[in-house]
Amino acid sequence: MNIRRLIPTTALVGAAALGLTTLTACSSDAGDGRKDGKLDVVASFYPMQFLAERIGGDAVHVSTLTKPGVEPHDLEISPRQTADLSKAGLVVYLKGLQPSVDRAIAQADPEHVADATSYTTLEDHGTEVEGDHGGEEGHDGHAHSGDTAADPHIWLDPVRYAQVAKGVGKALEKADPDHAETFKKNTTALVKQLNTLDQDFRSGLKDRSSDTFITTHAAFGYLSERYGLRQEAISGLDPEAEPSPARVKALHTIAKKDKVNTVFFETLVSDRTAKTLAGDLHLRTDVLDPIEGIGSKSKGDDYLQVMRSNLEALRKALGAK
């Protein structure tokens, strides 16, 4: 009788153990930072996604919080996305650009995080949007953490972007040591491409007839600083901000004084203000893309292609030979 009881009990224990093993395996796959056997990397928006994909290669699975065609500054994170962040193998983001992402990461507290701002230096480029260049009191562009109005658009400077690439490479090595050599190799290759891009901008913008360009919002401060240009933004760091009458008047004066021939607009925000200004001044318009996302209107399939398109647009606008 004891034997008869032992057999079903043993079978029950075995079945329970098998069920527990299956459940554990499913839980591990969902929460160990891996997806389809690869390191699960979540990027906040396109410039971070590009780095993760290029450096991670076939060893990672990359997803992005900001879908193509979405203006990243307006992104809101869902509870499900926040939960997914806690299970990611690595989260790559740029602190201060997207407040909802900052809050979600703080709440999710993922084990491995790569913050682009920790790999380079940030500066304040976005406050000079009034006619007297004295700054726009009380305006700090995007919602930034802390008290600074630091410009977040570091990826538009190939040199700073290369610094961030190295940092992301190190973060990938830490999150997935088994593929460290792959990440090192891919980082080196990408940094080389970014260095070449930097040299192309330096040589391509030589012998120009003007240093000044007008653009929708102050996204190109780092690029301007790197190559000796003068950015004149219609609005500040906030791409959706409406310019004051004083700013519009100042831009009329600047355009005539500096012989500006082009007003640049972007692909992800309205071009209405830029085209109105260009029409008033009888100037041409063109796209200068801040590369906050790649979409159907982008002049290129990835960061490097769009940056080279930007270079050609600047060469034409600035009269480079």
Protein backbone atom coordinates (compact mmCIF):
# COMPACT_ATOMS: atom_id res chain seq x y z
CA MET A 1 0.00 0.00 0.00
CA ASN A 2 2.88 2.27 0.74
CA ILE A 3 4.37 1.42 -2.63
CA ARG A 4 1.13 2.30 -4.42
CA ARG A 5 1.12 5.67 -2.65
CA LEU A 6 4.81 6.28 -3.39
CA ILE A 7 4.51 5.93 -7.16
CA PRO A 8 1.95 8.67 -7.79
CA THR A 9 3.63 10.89 -5.22
CA THR A 10 6.96 10.54 -7.02
CA ALA A 11 5.30 11.25 -10.34
CA LEU A 12 3.63 14.32 -8.87
CA VAL A 13 6.93 15.60 -7.50
CA GLY A 14 8.59 14.99 -10.85
CA ALA A 15 5.85 16.81 -12.71
CA ALA A 16 6.03 19.71 -10.30
CA ALA A 17 9.79 19.88 -10.69
CA LEU A 18 9.44 19.88 -14.48
CA GLY A 19 6.85 22.63 -14.29
CA LEU A 20 9.09 24.67 -12.00
CA THR A 21 12.04 24.21 -14.34
CA THR A 22 9.96 25.37 -17.30
CA LEU A 23 8.67 28.37 -15.39
CA THR A 24 12.18 29.27 -14.25
CA ALA A 25 13.50 29.04 -17.79
CA CYS A 26 10.75 31.32 -19.07
CA SER A 27 11.33 33.77 -16.26
CA SER A 28 15.07 33.72 -16.88
CA ASP A 29 14.61 34.43 -20.59
CA ALA A 30 12.31 37.35 -19.76
CA GLY A 31 14.38 38.84 -16.97
CA ASP A 32 18.06 37.98 -17.40
CA GLY A 33 18.75 40.83 -19.80
CA ARG A 34 18.70 38.65 -22.89
CA LYS A 35 16.31 38.30 -25.81
CA ASP A 36 16.52 35.45 -28.29
CA GLY A 37 19.85 34.53 -26.70
CA LYS A 38 21.35 37.99 -27.27
CA LEU A 39 21.97 40.89 -24.92
CA ASP A 40 18.75 42.93 -24.81
CA VAL A 41 19.68 46.58 -25.38
CA VAL A 42 17.08 49.34 -25.12
CA ALA A 43 17.99 52.72 -26.68
CA SER A 44 16.13 55.91 -25.84
CA PHE A 45 16.15 57.39 -29.36
CA TYR A 46 17.86 57.05 -32.72
CA PRO A 47 21.41 58.40 -32.05
CA MET A 48 21.71 55.98 -29.12
CA GLN A 49 20.16 53.18 -31.17
CA PHE A 50 22.71 53.74 -33.94
CA LEU A 51 25.61 53.36 -31.51
CA ALA A 52 24.16 50.24 -29.90
CA GLU A 53 23.53 48.58 -33.27
CA ARG A 54 26.91 49.44 -34.78
CA ILE A 55 28.93 48.48 -31.70
CA GLY A 56 26.79 45.55 -30.58
CA GLY A 57 26.50 43.98 -34.01
CA ASP A 58 25.11 40.46 -34.11
CA ALA A 59 25.72 39.97 -30.39
CA VAL A 60 22.85 42.22 -29.31
CA HIS A 61 19.13 42.71 -29.81
CA VAL A 62 18.40 46.46 -29.97
CA SER A 63 15.02 48.13 -29.55
CA THR A 64 14.21 51.82 -29.24
CA LEU A 65 11.75 53.70 -27.06
CA THR A 66 11.25 56.39 -29.72
CA LYS A 67 9.71 54.99 -32.88
CA PRO A 68 10.63 56.38 -36.34
CA GLY A 69 8.89 59.64 -37.15
CA VAL A 70 8.23 60.54 -33.50
CA GLU A 71 9.65 63.80 -32.15
CA PRO A 72 11.79 62.47 -29.26
CA HIS A 73 11.34 65.42 -26.90
CA ASP A 74 7.59 64.73 -26.68
CA LEU A 75 7.94 61.02 -25.89
CA GLU A 76 5.89 59.60 -23.02
CA ILE A 77 6.85 56.24 -21.53
CA SER A 78 4.14 53.65 -20.79
CA PRO A 79 4.13 51.49 -17.62
CA ARG A 80 4.90 48.45 -19.78
CA GLN A 81 7.96 50.16 -21.29
CA THR A 82 9.13 51.07 -17.80
CA ALA A 83 8.78 47.44 -16.74
CA ASP A 84 10.73 46.33 -19.81
CA LEU A 85 13.54 48.70 -18.89
CA SER A 86 14.02 46.93 -15.58
CA LYS A 87 14.64 43.64 -17.43
CA ALA A 88 16.95 45.03 -20.15
CA GLY A 89 20.54 43.90 -20.34
CA LEU A 90 21.63 47.49 -21.07
CA VAL A 91 19.81 50.80 -21.43
CA VAL A 92 21.51 53.44 -23.59
CA TYR A 93 20.17 56.98 -23.24
CA LEU A 94 21.04 60.66 -23.09
CA LYS A 95 20.10 62.16 -19.74
CA GLY A 96 18.23 65.46 -19.95
CA LEU A 97 16.90 65.10 -23.49
CA GLN A 98 13.72 63.17 -22.71
CA PRO A 99 12.36 63.78 -19.20
CA SER A 100 9.94 60.83 -19.39
CA VAL A 101 12.85 58.50 -20.17
CA ASP A 102 14.85 59.87 -17.24
CA ARG A 103 11.93 59.22 -14.89
CA ALA A 104 11.30 55.73 -16.26
CA ILE A 105 14.95 54.72 -15.87
CA ALA A 106 15.02 56.02 -12.30
CA GLN A 107 11.90 53.98 -11.54
CA ALA A 108 12.97 50.81 -13.37
CA ASP A 109 16.55 50.92 -12.04
CA PRO A 110 18.09 48.58 -14.68
CA GLU A 111 21.34 46.87 -13.74
CA HIS A 112 23.39 48.25 -16.64
CA VAL A 113 22.92 51.81 -17.92
CA ALA A 114 24.96 53.86 -20.42
CA ASP A 115 24.28 57.60 -20.11
CA ALA A 116 25.79 59.45 -23.08
CA THR A 117 26.27 62.64 -21.06
CA SER A 118 28.75 60.86 -18.79
CA TYR A 119 31.16 60.18 -21.67
CA THR A 120 31.66 63.75 -22.93
CA THR A 121 31.16 67.37 -21.87
CA LEU A 122 27.97 69.40 -22.29
CA GLU A 123 27.75 73.14 -22.85
CA ASP A 124 25.04 75.80 -23.02
CA HIS A 125 24.35 76.80 -26.64
CA GLY A 126 20.63 77.35 -26.68
CA THR A 127 19.91 80.58 -24.84
CA GLU A 128 20.99 83.17 -27.41
CA VAL A 129 17.77 83.55 -29.33
CA GLU A 130 16.82 87.14 -28.64
CA GLY A 131 17.73 90.12 -30.78
CA ASP A 132 20.38 91.40 -28.39
CA HIS A 133 21.97 87.92 -27.96
CA GLY A 134 21.55 88.41 -24.26
CA GLY A 135 19.73 85.16 -23.68
CA GLU A 136 16.13 84.28 -23.14
CA GLU A 137 15.46 84.71 -19.45
CA GLY A 138 13.55 81.86 -17.89
CA HIS A 139 13.88 79.66 -20.96
CA ASP A 140 15.99 76.53 -20.80
CA GLY A 141 14.93 74.76 -23.99
CA HIS A 142 14.16 71.12 -23.29
CA ALA A 143 13.32 70.09 -19.77
CA HIS A 144 16.72 69.31 -18.34
CA SER A 145 17.65 67.71 -15.08
CA GLY A 146 19.41 69.99 -12.65
CA ASP A 147 19.73 73.75 -12.97
CA THR A 148 21.67 73.93 -16.20
CA ALA A 149 20.37 74.59 -19.69
CA ALA A 150 23.00 72.35 -21.23
CA ASP A 151 22.59 71.62 -24.93
CA PRO A 152 21.96 67.87 -25.34
CA HIS A 153 22.72 67.63 -29.09
CA ILE A 154 26.21 66.15 -28.65
CA TRP A 155 25.77 63.59 -31.45
CA LEU A 156 25.91 66.36 -34.09
CA ASP A 157 29.60 66.85 -33.27
CA PRO A 158 31.40 63.77 -34.65
CA VAL A 159 34.23 64.19 -32.14
CA ARG A 160 31.93 64.17 -29.12
CA TYR A 161 29.86 61.39 -30.66
CA ALA A 162 33.02 59.31 -30.97
CA GLN A 163 33.65 59.86 -27.26
CA VAL A 164 30.15 58.61 -26.52
CA ALA A 165 30.71 55.62 -28.81
CA LYS A 166 33.73 54.60 -26.75
CA GLY A 167 31.67 54.88 -23.57
CA VAL A 168 28.84 52.78 -24.97
CA GLY A 169 31.38 50.19 -26.09
CA LYS A 170 32.73 49.92 -22.54
CA ALA A 171 29.19 49.62 -21.16
CA LEU A 172 28.45 46.76 -23.59
CA GLU A 173 31.65 45.00 -22.52
CA LYS A 174 30.59 45.24 -18.88
CA ALA A 175 27.05 44.03 -19.58
CA ASP A 176 28.19 41.11 -21.77
CA PRO A 177 31.84 40.21 -21.09
CA ASP A 178 31.62 37.12 -23.33
CA HIS A 179 31.45 39.38 -26.40
CA ALA A 180 33.91 42.01 -25.20
CA GLU A 181 36.31 41.48 -28.10
CA THR A 182 33.51 41.94 -30.63
CA PHE A 183 32.46 45.19 -28.96
CA LYS A 184 36.04 46.49 -28.89
CA LYS A 185 36.53 45.72 -32.57
CA ASN A 186 33.24 47.34 -33.57
CA THR A 187 33.90 50.40 -31.42
CA THR A 188 37.27 50.92 -33.06
CA ALA A 189 35.72 50.65 -36.54
CA LEU A 190 32.93 53.13 -35.73
CA VAL A 191 35.27 55.65 -34.11
CA LYS A 192 37.41 55.51 -37.25
CA GLN A 193 34.34 56.31 -39.37
CA LEU A 194 33.44 59.22 -37.10
CA ASN A 195 36.99 60.57 -37.28
CA THR A 196 36.77 60.43 -41.07
CA LEU A 197 33.45 62.28 -40.90
CA ASP A 198 35.09 64.96 -38.77
CA GLN A 199 37.87 65.40 -41.33
CA ASP A 200 35.30 65.57 -44.14
CA PHE A 201 33.52 68.44 -42.37
CA ARG A 202 36.81 70.26 -41.77
CA SER A 203 37.91 70.02 -45.39
CA GLY A 204 34.42 70.44 -46.84
CA LEU A 205 33.75 73.73 -45.06
CA LYS A 206 37.03 75.40 -46.00
CA ASP A 207 37.06 78.51 -48.18
CA ARG A 208 33.44 79.39 -47.41
CA SER A 209 32.06 82.86 -48.02
CA SER A 210 29.97 83.00 -44.81
CA ASP A 211 29.97 81.46 -41.34
CA THR A 212 26.32 82.15 -40.51
CA PHE A 213 23.32 79.91 -41.04
CA ILE A 214 19.70 80.17 -39.86
CA THR A 215 17.95 77.05 -38.63
CA THR A 216 14.69 76.10 -36.93
CA HIS A 217 16.00 75.39 -33.44
CA ALA A 218 19.34 75.54 -31.69
CA ALA A 219 20.41 71.95 -32.32
CA PHE A 220 23.72 72.70 -34.04
CA GLY A 221 25.69 74.46 -31.32
CA TYR A 222 28.31 71.73 -30.94
CA LEU A 223 28.69 71.36 -34.71
CA SER A 224 29.06 75.14 -35.08
CA GLU A 225 31.63 75.30 -32.30
CA ARG A 226 33.64 72.45 -33.80
CA TYR A 227 33.87 73.97 -37.29
CA GLY A 228 33.84 77.69 -36.58
CA LEU A 229 30.29 78.38 -37.73
CA ARG A 230 27.63 80.69 -36.32
CA GLN A 231 24.23 79.16 -35.67
CA GLU A 232 21.26 81.52 -35.63
CA ALA A 233 18.18 79.66 -34.40
CA ILE A 234 14.63 80.81 -34.97
CA SER A 235 13.70 79.31 -31.61
CA GLY A 236 15.88 78.09 -28.76
CA LEU A 237 16.58 74.48 -27.84
CA ASP A 238 12.86 73.72 -27.94
CA PRO A 239 11.92 72.87 -31.55
CA GLU A 240 8.24 73.64 -30.92
CA ALA A 241 8.79 77.13 -29.42
CA GLU A 242 7.45 80.14 -31.31
CA PRO A 243 9.97 82.97 -31.87
CA SER A 244 9.26 86.36 -30.36
CA PRO A 245 8.70 89.38 -32.65
CA ALA A 246 12.05 90.72 -31.47
CA ARG A 247 13.77 87.50 -32.56
CA VAL A 248 12.15 87.58 -36.00
CA LYS A 249 13.25 91.20 -36.44
CA ALA A 250 16.78 90.30 -35.35
CA LEU A 251 16.93 87.46 -37.88
CA HIS A 252 15.96 89.85 -40.67
CA THR A 253 18.92 92.05 -39.70
CA ILE A 254 21.32 89.11 -39.37
CA ALA A 255 20.32 87.63 -42.73
CA LYS A 256 21.01 90.90 -44.55
CA LYS A 257 24.21 91.72 -42.69
CA ASP A 258 25.78 88.26 -43.03
CA LYS A 259 24.45 87.62 -46.56
CA VAL A 260 22.54 84.51 -45.51
CA ASN A 261 20.91 82.82 -48.50
CA THR A 262 19.21 79.80 -46.87
CA VAL A 263 16.82 79.14 -44.00
CA PHE A 264 17.05 75.56 -42.81
CA PHE A 265 14.14 73.48 -41.52
CA GLU A 266 13.89 69.95 -40.11
CA THR A 267 12.13 66.69 -40.92
CA LEU A 268 10.33 65.91 -37.64
CA VAL A 269 8.86 69.32 -36.76
CA SER A 270 6.73 71.86 -38.62
CA ASP A 271 8.52 73.88 -41.30
CA ARG A 272 5.92 76.67 -41.23
CA THR A 273 7.96 79.27 -39.32
CA ALA A 274 11.13 78.62 -41.31
CA LYS A 275 9.32 78.91 -44.65
CA THR A 276 7.50 82.05 -43.54
CA LEU A 277 10.79 83.69 -42.58
CA ALA A 278 12.44 82.58 -45.82
CA GLY A 279 9.52 83.96 -47.82
CA ASP A 280 9.71 87.33 -46.07
CA LEU A 281 13.44 87.55 -46.81
CA HIS A 282 13.26 86.02 -50.31
CA LEU A 283 15.67 83.25 -49.28
CA ARG A 284 15.80 79.61 -50.29
CA THR A 285 14.99 76.77 -47.86
CA ASP A 286 16.72 73.46 -47.31
CA VAL A 287 16.87 70.65 -44.77
CA LEU A 288 19.46 70.60 -41.99
CA ASP A 289 18.61 67.46 -40.08
CA PRO A 290 19.32 67.20 -36.32
CA ILE A 291 19.07 63.41 -36.80
CA GLU A 292 16.82 62.83 -33.83
CA GLY A 293 15.21 60.06 -35.84
CA ILE A 294 15.35 58.43 -39.28
CA GLY A 295 12.16 58.49 -41.32
CA SER A 296 10.83 58.54 -44.84
CA LYS A 297 11.87 62.18 -45.28
CA SER A 298 15.43 61.66 -44.06
CA LYS A 299 18.16 62.26 -46.62
CA GLY A 300 19.94 59.02 -45.86
CA ASP A 301 19.40 55.65 -44.23
CA ASP A 302 21.59 56.15 -41.16
CA TYR A 303 23.48 58.72 -39.11
CA LEU A 304 26.57 58.82 -41.32
CA GLN A 305 24.61 59.31 -44.54
CA VAL A 306 22.42 62.07 -43.09
CA MET A 307 25.43 63.87 -41.62
CA ARG A 308 27.04 63.92 -45.05
CA SER A 309 23.81 65.28 -46.49
CA ASN A 310 23.96 68.00 -43.82
CA LEU A 311 27.53 68.77 -44.85
CA GLU A 312 26.53 69.27 -48.47
CA ALA A 313 23.61 71.48 -47.44
CA LEU A 314 25.91 73.64 -45.31
CA ARG A 315 28.53 73.83 -48.07
CA LYS A 316 25.91 75.14 -50.47
CA ALA A 317 24.42 77.59 -47.96
CA LEU A 318 27.79 78.94 -46.80
CA GLY A 319 29.35 79.21 -50.26
CA ALA A 320 32.10 76.67 -49.65
CA LYS A 321 34.19 75.92 -52.73
